[in-house]
Amino acid sequence: MSSGSTTDQPSSRWKADDLEKIDRDDVPTSLRAALQDTKYSGWESADIYRNKTTNEYVVMMKGGSDKAFYFDKDGNAISASGMKTDDQ
């Protein structure tokens, strides 16, 4: 899969109980830098969640795309299972 997006069901590492919604102003600098890529256009209006257990992030795009992008604590794109993706 490319760009950390997935159409698969998220793995158990993304349990709702572990997720906390964060404000756009609270997005870490490393993740904010990664989100500047054009493939994440519109992230500013997305719902962003931090996994309290792993400190990873999921960006849930709104609108027509309804895609989810997953990132590690350093802002690197990962798959829903936590594996790093190739296109950084």
Protein backbone atom coordinates (compact mmCIF):
# COMPACT_ATOMS: atom_id res chain seq x y z
CA MET A 1 0.00 0.00 0.00
CA SER A 2 1.20 3.46 -0.67
CA SER A 3 1.46 6.55 1.49
CA GLY A 4 0.38 4.86 4.68
CA SER A 5 -3.25 4.73 3.61
CA THR A 6 -5.31 1.64 3.88
CA THR A 7 -8.66 0.24 2.94
CA ASP A 8 -8.09 -2.73 5.24
CA GLN A 9 -9.60 -2.83 8.67
CA PRO A 10 -7.16 -1.30 11.17
CA SER A 11 -5.38 -3.82 13.33
CA SER A 12 -6.00 -4.22 17.03
CA ARG A 13 -3.34 -1.60 17.67
CA TRP A 14 -5.96 1.02 16.73
CA LYS A 15 -8.59 0.24 19.39
CA ALA A 16 -11.03 3.10 19.98
CA ASP A 17 -10.25 3.09 23.71
CA ASP A 18 -6.60 3.91 22.96
CA LEU A 19 -7.33 6.84 20.65
CA GLU A 20 -7.60 10.45 21.69
CA LYS A 21 -8.61 13.16 19.26
CA ILE A 22 -6.10 15.99 19.06
CA ASP A 23 -6.51 19.55 17.87
CA ARG A 24 -4.74 20.67 14.73
CA ASP A 25 -2.66 23.01 16.90
CA ASP A 26 -1.40 20.00 18.89
CA VAL A 27 -0.06 18.10 15.86
CA PRO A 28 3.66 17.45 16.48
CA THR A 29 6.14 19.28 14.26
CA SER A 30 7.40 16.03 12.67
CA LEU A 31 3.87 14.95 11.70
CA ARG A 32 2.97 18.44 10.52
CA ALA A 33 6.03 18.39 8.21
CA ALA A 34 4.99 15.01 6.75
CA LEU A 35 1.45 16.26 6.16
CA GLN A 36 2.73 19.06 3.91
CA ASP A 37 3.06 16.51 1.09
CA THR A 38 0.38 17.05 -1.58
CA LYS A 39 -0.99 13.53 -1.07
CA TYR A 40 -2.27 14.70 2.33
CA SER A 41 -3.92 17.82 0.94
CA GLY A 42 -6.84 18.81 3.14
CA TRP A 43 -5.38 17.37 6.35
CA GLU A 44 -6.18 20.62 8.11
CA SER A 45 -9.87 19.66 8.17
CA ALA A 46 -9.24 15.97 8.96
CA ASP A 47 -9.86 14.28 12.30
CA ILE A 48 -6.51 13.44 13.88
CA TYR A 49 -6.11 10.87 16.62
CA ARG A 50 -3.15 9.86 18.77
CA ASN A 51 -2.83 6.30 20.00
CA LYS A 52 -2.18 6.73 23.75
CA THR A 53 -0.48 3.33 23.92
CA THR A 54 1.91 3.54 20.95
CA ASN A 55 2.08 7.33 20.43
CA GLU A 56 1.24 6.78 16.75
CA TYR A 57 -1.22 8.89 14.78
CA VAL A 58 -4.10 8.34 12.38
CA VAL A 59 -5.34 11.13 10.13
CA MET A 60 -8.94 10.52 9.01
CA MET A 61 -9.57 12.57 5.89
CA LYS A 62 -13.02 14.04 5.37
CA GLY A 63 -14.99 14.71 2.24
CA GLY A 64 -15.05 12.49 -0.80
CA SER A 65 -11.87 10.55 0.00
CA ASP A 66 -12.64 9.09 3.46
CA LYS A 67 -9.06 7.80 3.64
CA ALA A 68 -7.06 7.11 6.76
CA PHE A 69 -3.33 7.75 6.92
CA TYR A 70 -1.22 6.26 9.69
CA PHE A 71 2.03 7.69 11.09
CA ASP A 72 4.55 6.72 13.75
CA LYS A 73 5.59 9.08 16.54
CA ASP A 74 8.27 10.59 14.27
CA GLY A 75 5.85 11.44 11.45
CA ASN A 76 6.84 8.52 9.19
CA ALA A 77 3.99 6.96 7.20
CA ILE A 78 3.13 3.46 8.40
CA SER A 79 0.48 0.91 7.54
CA ALA A 80 -2.46 0.26 9.86
CA SER A 81 -0.50 -2.68 11.27
CA GLY A 82 2.40 -0.38 12.19
CA MET A 83 4.80 -1.37 9.43
CA LYS A 84 6.75 1.49 7.87
CA THR A 85 5.80 2.23 4.27
CA ASP A 86 8.30 2.65 1.44
CA ASP A 87 7.26 6.02 0.04
CA GLN A 88 8.48 8.63 2.49
